[in-house]
Amino acid sequence: MGEIVQFSAKKIKKKRQAGKTLCLNGFHKWEVKKNNQFDSQQGKLISVYVCIRCGKTKNKKT
């Protein structure tokens, strides 16, 4: 019988794409960015959220 060879390329590809496919479908992992909390144009406090996986940002007024 022949030897069974394990391919590691699939495992590497899965790890690399795990976060990207979630973000592409709208499932971001948001984290609060604490160093910029004041909006100077409107004079209001805001919360800045950054996605850990893809780096996309969103703002929320508090």
PDB file of N, CA and C in Angstrom:
ATOM      1  N   MET A   1       0.833  -1.186   0.000  1.00  0.00           N
ATOM      2  CA  MET A   1       0.000   0.000   0.000  1.00  0.00           C
ATOM      3  C   MET A   1       0.877   1.249   0.000  1.00  0.00           C
ATOM      4  N   GLY A   2       0.339   2.307  -0.530  1.00  0.00           N
ATOM      5  CA  GLY A   2       1.064   3.568  -0.576  1.00  0.00           C
ATOM      6  C   GLY A   2       0.929   4.351   0.712  1.00  0.00           C
ATOM      7  N   GLU A   3       1.780   5.339   0.873  1.00  0.00           N
ATOM      8  CA  GLU A   3       1.739   6.184   2.062  1.00  0.00           C
ATOM      9  C   GLU A   3       0.675   7.270   1.906  1.00  0.00           C
ATOM     10  N   ILE A   4       0.068   7.631   3.002  1.00  0.00           N
ATOM     11  CA  ILE A   4      -0.911   8.712   3.004  1.00  0.00           C
ATOM     12  C   ILE A   4      -0.176  10.001   3.358  1.00  0.00           C
ATOM     13  N   VAL A   5      -0.274  10.977   2.478  1.00  0.00           N
ATOM     14  CA  VAL A   5       0.421  12.244   2.668  1.00  0.00           C
ATOM     15  C   VAL A   5      -0.591  13.296   3.109  1.00  0.00           C
ATOM     16  N   GLN A   6      -0.302  13.981   4.209  1.00  0.00           N
ATOM     17  CA  GLN A   6      -1.166  15.039   4.709  1.00  0.00           C
ATOM     18  C   GLN A   6      -0.755  16.365   4.080  1.00  0.00           C
ATOM     19  N   PHE A   7      -1.714  17.077   3.535  1.00  0.00           N
ATOM     20  CA  PHE A   7      -1.447  18.383   2.952  1.00  0.00           C
ATOM     21  C   PHE A   7      -1.718  19.460   3.984  1.00  0.00           C
ATOM     22  N   SER A   8      -0.724  20.279   4.245  1.00  0.00           N
ATOM     23  CA  SER A   8      -0.882  21.337   5.238  1.00  0.00           C
ATOM     24  C   SER A   8      -1.341  22.645   4.605  1.00  0.00           C
ATOM     25  N   ALA A   9      -1.380  22.711   3.285  1.00  0.00           N
ATOM     26  CA  ALA A   9      -1.790  23.941   2.612  1.00  0.00           C
ATOM     27  C   ALA A   9      -3.232  24.306   2.939  1.00  0.00           C
ATOM     28  N   LYS A  10      -4.095  23.322   3.102  1.00  0.00           N
ATOM     29  CA  LYS A  10      -5.498  23.583   3.425  1.00  0.00           C
ATOM     30  C   LYS A  10      -5.627  24.203   4.807  1.00  0.00           C
ATOM     31  N   LYS A  11      -4.847  23.709   5.755  1.00  0.00           N
ATOM     32  CA  LYS A  11      -4.913  24.237   7.112  1.00  0.00           C
ATOM     33  C   LYS A  11      -4.444  25.683   7.157  1.00  0.00           C
ATOM     34  N   ILE A  12      -3.387  25.990   6.437  1.00  0.00           N
ATOM     35  CA  ILE A  12      -2.857  27.359   6.416  1.00  0.00           C
ATOM     36  C   ILE A  12      -3.863  28.299   5.764  1.00  0.00           C
ATOM     37  N   LYS A  13      -4.468  27.859   4.671  1.00  0.00           N
ATOM     38  CA  LYS A  13      -5.441  28.684   3.969  1.00  0.00           C
ATOM     39  C   LYS A  13      -6.672  28.935   4.832  1.00  0.00           C
ATOM     40  N   LYS A  14      -7.118  27.907   5.570  1.00  0.00           N
ATOM     41  CA  LYS A  14      -8.267  28.075   6.448  1.00  0.00           C
ATOM     42  C   LYS A  14      -8.008  29.104   7.529  1.00  0.00           C
ATOM     43  N   LYS A  15      -6.825  29.051   8.153  1.00  0.00           N
ATOM     44  CA  LYS A  15      -6.483  30.001   9.214  1.00  0.00           C
ATOM     45  C   LYS A  15      -6.424  31.423   8.673  1.00  0.00           C
ATOM     46  N   ARG A  16      -5.881  31.597   7.485  1.00  0.00           N
ATOM     47  CA  ARG A  16      -5.715  32.915   6.902  1.00  0.00           C
ATOM     48  C   ARG A  16      -7.059  33.533   6.526  1.00  0.00           C
ATOM     49  N   GLN A  17      -7.998  32.733   6.051  1.00  0.00           N
ATOM     50  CA  GLN A  17      -9.268  33.251   5.574  1.00  0.00           C
ATOM     51  C   GLN A  17     -10.369  33.246   6.620  1.00  0.00           C
ATOM     52  N   ALA A  18     -10.119  32.693   7.797  1.00  0.00           N
ATOM     53  CA  ALA A  18     -11.169  32.568   8.808  1.00  0.00           C
ATOM     54  C   ALA A  18     -11.767  33.916   9.181  1.00  0.00           C
ATOM     55  N   GLY A  19     -10.957  34.911   9.431  1.00  0.00           N
ATOM     56  CA  GLY A  19     -11.462  36.216   9.805  1.00  0.00           C
ATOM     57  C   GLY A  19     -12.011  37.006   8.638  1.00  0.00           C
ATOM     58  N   LYS A  20     -11.425  36.871   7.468  1.00  0.00           N
ATOM     59  CA  LYS A  20     -11.840  37.659   6.315  1.00  0.00           C
ATOM     60  C   LYS A  20     -13.239  37.293   5.848  1.00  0.00           C
ATOM     61  N   THR A  21     -13.561  36.015   5.838  1.00  0.00           N
ATOM     62  CA  THR A  21     -14.887  35.632   5.365  1.00  0.00           C
ATOM     63  C   THR A  21     -15.958  36.073   6.337  1.00  0.00           C
ATOM     64  N   LEU A  22     -15.657  36.080   7.625  1.00  0.00           N
ATOM     65  CA  LEU A  22     -16.623  36.571   8.605  1.00  0.00           C
ATOM     66  C   LEU A  22     -16.893  38.055   8.385  1.00  0.00           C
ATOM     67  N   CYS A  23     -15.846  38.845   8.195  1.00  0.00           N
ATOM     68  CA  CYS A  23     -16.011  40.283   7.996  1.00  0.00           C
ATOM     69  C   CYS A  23     -16.723  40.595   6.676  1.00  0.00           C
ATOM     70  N   LEU A  24     -16.461  39.830   5.644  1.00  0.00           N
ATOM     71  CA  LEU A  24     -17.133  40.062   4.370  1.00  0.00           C
ATOM     72  C   LEU A  24     -18.628  39.824   4.470  1.00  0.00           C
ATOM     73  N   ASN A  25     -19.046  38.974   5.385  1.00  0.00           N
ATOM     74  CA  ASN A  25     -20.468  38.691   5.577  1.00  0.00           C
ATOM     75  C   ASN A  25     -21.098  39.541   6.664  1.00  0.00           C
ATOM     76  N   GLY A  26     -20.364  40.505   7.213  1.00  0.00           N
ATOM     77  CA  GLY A  26     -20.924  41.439   8.176  1.00  0.00           C
ATOM     78  C   GLY A  26     -20.754  41.056   9.628  1.00  0.00           C
ATOM     79  N   PHE A  27     -19.976  40.030   9.914  1.00  0.00           N
ATOM     80  CA  PHE A  27     -19.761  39.597  11.295  1.00  0.00           C
ATOM     81  C   PHE A  27     -18.400  40.085  11.769  1.00  0.00           C
ATOM     82  N   HIS A  28     -18.323  41.382  12.081  1.00  0.00           N
ATOM     83  CA  HIS A  28     -17.077  41.981  12.540  1.00  0.00           C
ATOM     84  C   HIS A  28     -16.877  41.711  14.031  1.00  0.00           C
ATOM     85  N   LYS A  29     -15.643  41.834  14.467  1.00  0.00           N
ATOM     86  CA  LYS A  29     -15.323  41.699  15.889  1.00  0.00           C
ATOM     87  C   LYS A  29     -14.882  43.082  16.358  1.00  0.00           C
ATOM     88  N   TRP A  30     -15.827  43.855  16.908  1.00  0.00           N
ATOM     89  CA  TRP A  30     -15.591  45.252  17.252  1.00  0.00           C
ATOM     90  C   TRP A  30     -14.897  45.389  18.603  1.00  0.00           C
ATOM     91  N   GLU A  31     -13.973  46.351  18.664  1.00  0.00           N
ATOM     92  CA  GLU A  31     -13.262  46.693  19.895  1.00  0.00           C
ATOM     93  C   GLU A  31     -13.232  48.220  19.998  1.00  0.00           C
ATOM     94  N   VAL A  32     -13.404  48.750  21.203  1.00  0.00           N
ATOM     95  CA  VAL A  32     -13.442  50.195  21.405  1.00  0.00           C
ATOM     96  C   VAL A  32     -12.027  50.760  21.343  1.00  0.00           C
ATOM     97  N   LYS A  33     -11.866  51.827  20.555  1.00  0.00           N
ATOM     98  CA  LYS A  33     -10.598  52.544  20.472  1.00  0.00           C
ATOM     99  C   LYS A  33     -10.709  53.739  21.417  1.00  0.00           C
ATOM    100  N   LYS A  34      -9.888  53.786  22.441  1.00  0.00           N
ATOM    101  CA  LYS A  34     -10.086  54.743  23.527  1.00  0.00           C
ATOM    102  C   LYS A  34      -9.319  56.054  23.392  1.00  0.00           C
ATOM    103  N   ASN A  35      -8.407  56.186  22.455  1.00  0.00           N
ATOM    104  CA  ASN A  35      -7.605  57.408  22.412  1.00  0.00           C
ATOM    105  C   ASN A  35      -8.277  58.566  21.678  1.00  0.00           C
ATOM    106  N   ASN A  36      -9.363  58.341  20.948  1.00  0.00           N
ATOM    107  CA  ASN A  36     -10.047  59.413  20.225  1.00  0.00           C
ATOM    108  C   ASN A  36     -11.536  59.359  20.569  1.00  0.00           C
ATOM    109  N   GLN A  37     -11.963  60.143  21.591  1.00  0.00           N
ATOM    110  CA  GLN A  37     -13.341  60.050  22.059  1.00  0.00           C
ATOM    111  C   GLN A  37     -14.150  61.327  21.860  1.00  0.00           C
ATOM    112  N   PHE A  38     -13.582  62.359  21.266  1.00  0.00           N
ATOM    113  CA  PHE A  38     -14.290  63.641  21.159  1.00  0.00           C
ATOM    114  C   PHE A  38     -14.352  64.074  19.708  1.00  0.00           C
ATOM    115  N   ASP A  39     -15.545  64.389  19.227  1.00  0.00           N
ATOM    116  CA  ASP A  39     -15.745  64.888  17.866  1.00  0.00           C
ATOM    117  C   ASP A  39     -15.669  66.407  17.900  1.00  0.00           C
ATOM    118  N   SER A  40     -14.673  66.973  17.276  1.00  0.00           N
ATOM    119  CA  SER A  40     -14.461  68.420  17.368  1.00  0.00           C
ATOM    120  C   SER A  40     -15.448  69.212  16.512  1.00  0.00           C
ATOM    121  N   GLN A  41     -15.996  68.637  15.455  1.00  0.00           N
ATOM    122  CA  GLN A  41     -16.915  69.374  14.598  1.00  0.00           C
ATOM    123  C   GLN A  41     -18.287  69.533  15.248  1.00  0.00           C
ATOM    124  N   GLN A  42     -18.789  68.499  15.891  1.00  0.00           N
ATOM    125  CA  GLN A  42     -20.109  68.564  16.510  1.00  0.00           C
ATOM    126  C   GLN A  42     -20.023  68.852  18.003  1.00  0.00           C
ATOM    127  N   GLY A  43     -18.867  68.723  18.607  1.00  0.00           N
ATOM    128  CA  GLY A  43     -18.706  68.987  20.028  1.00  0.00           C
ATOM    129  C   GLY A  43     -19.366  67.957  20.913  1.00  0.00           C
ATOM    130  N   LYS A  44     -19.400  66.709  20.466  1.00  0.00           N
ATOM    131  CA  LYS A  44     -20.046  65.644  21.226  1.00  0.00           C
ATOM    132  C   LYS A  44     -19.064  64.504  21.460  1.00  0.00           C
ATOM    133  N   LEU A  45     -19.363  63.726  22.491  1.00  0.00           N
ATOM    134  CA  LEU A  45     -18.572  62.534  22.740  1.00  0.00           C
ATOM    135  C   LEU A  45     -19.005  61.427  21.788  1.00  0.00           C
ATOM    136  N   ILE A  46     -18.040  60.699  21.251  1.00  0.00           N
ATOM    137  CA  ILE A  46     -18.335  59.575  20.371  1.00  0.00           C
ATOM    138  C   ILE A  46     -17.505  58.373  20.807  1.00  0.00           C
ATOM    139  N   SER A  47     -17.964  57.196  20.442  1.00  0.00           N
ATOM    140  CA  SER A  47     -17.203  55.971  20.658  1.00  0.00           C
ATOM    141  C   SER A  47     -16.719  55.491  19.299  1.00  0.00           C
ATOM    142  N   VAL A  48     -15.439  55.240  19.173  1.00  0.00           N
ATOM    143  CA  VAL A  48     -14.868  54.749  17.931  1.00  0.00           C
ATOM    144  C   VAL A  48     -14.613  53.259  18.098  1.00  0.00           C
ATOM    145  N   TYR A  49     -15.194  52.461  17.202  1.00  0.00           N
ATOM    146  CA  TYR A  49     -15.023  51.016  17.216  1.00  0.00           C
ATOM    147  C   TYR A  49     -14.152  50.607  16.037  1.00  0.00           C
ATOM    148  N   VAL A  50     -13.223  49.673  16.262  1.00  0.00           N
ATOM    149  CA  VAL A  50     -12.334  49.166  15.227  1.00  0.00           C
ATOM    150  C   VAL A  50     -12.473  47.642  15.181  1.00  0.00           C
ATOM    151  N   CYS A  51     -12.613  47.096  13.991  1.00  0.00           N
ATOM    152  CA  CYS A  51     -12.674  45.642  13.836  1.00  0.00           C
ATOM    153  C   CYS A  51     -11.267  45.082  13.998  1.00  0.00           C
ATOM    154  N   ILE A  52     -11.139  44.073  14.842  1.00  0.00           N
ATOM    155  CA  ILE A  52      -9.828  43.482  15.116  1.00  0.00           C
ATOM    156  C   ILE A  52      -9.296  42.746  13.894  1.00  0.00           C
ATOM    157  N   ARG A  53     -10.176  42.116  13.134  1.00  0.00           N
ATOM    158  CA  ARG A  53      -9.752  41.291  12.012  1.00  0.00           C
ATOM    159  C   ARG A  53      -9.385  42.088  10.762  1.00  0.00           C
ATOM    160  N   CYS A  54     -10.256  43.029  10.348  1.00  0.00           N
ATOM    161  CA  CYS A  54     -10.045  43.706   9.066  1.00  0.00           C
ATOM    162  C   CYS A  54      -9.626  45.170   9.200  1.00  0.00           C
ATOM    163  N   GLY A  55      -9.813  45.789  10.367  1.00  0.00           N
ATOM    164  CA  GLY A  55      -9.395  47.166  10.568  1.00  0.00           C
ATOM    165  C   GLY A  55     -10.447  48.208  10.216  1.00  0.00           C
ATOM    166  N   LYS A  56     -11.653  47.810   9.880  1.00  0.00           N
ATOM    167  CA  LYS A  56     -12.720  48.749   9.549  1.00  0.00           C
ATOM    168  C   LYS A  56     -13.145  49.493  10.812  1.00  0.00           C
ATOM    169  N   THR A  57     -13.524  50.773  10.668  1.00  0.00           N
ATOM    170  CA  THR A  57     -13.918  51.566  11.828  1.00  0.00           C
ATOM    171  C   THR A  57     -15.378  52.006  11.696  1.00  0.00           C
ATOM    172  N   LYS A  58     -16.013  52.230  12.852  1.00  0.00           N
ATOM    173  CA  LYS A  58     -17.349  52.814  12.880  1.00  0.00           C
ATOM    174  C   LYS A  58     -17.434  53.706  14.101  1.00  0.00           C
ATOM    175  N   ASN A  59     -18.275  54.733  14.014  1.00  0.00           N
ATOM    176  CA  ASN A  59     -18.461  55.695  15.094  1.00  0.00           C
ATOM    177  C   ASN A  59     -19.873  55.576  15.658  1.00  0.00           C
ATOM    178  N   LYS A  60     -19.988  55.786  16.954  1.00  0.00           N
ATOM    179  CA  LYS A  60     -21.291  55.776  17.590  1.00  0.00           C
ATOM    180  C   LYS A  60     -21.343  56.936  18.572  1.00  0.00           C
ATOM    181  N   LYS A  61     -22.396  57.751  18.462  1.00  0.00           N
ATOM    182  CA  LYS A  61     -22.550  58.883  19.382  1.00  0.00           C
ATOM    183  C   LYS A  61     -23.055  58.379  20.714  1.00  0.00           C
ATOM    184  N   THR A  62     -22.496  58.921  21.797  1.00  0.00           N
ATOM    185  CA  THR A  62     -22.917  58.504  23.127  1.00  0.00           C
ATOM    186  C   THR A  62     -23.664  59.603  23.825  1.00  0.00           C
TER     187      THR A  62
END
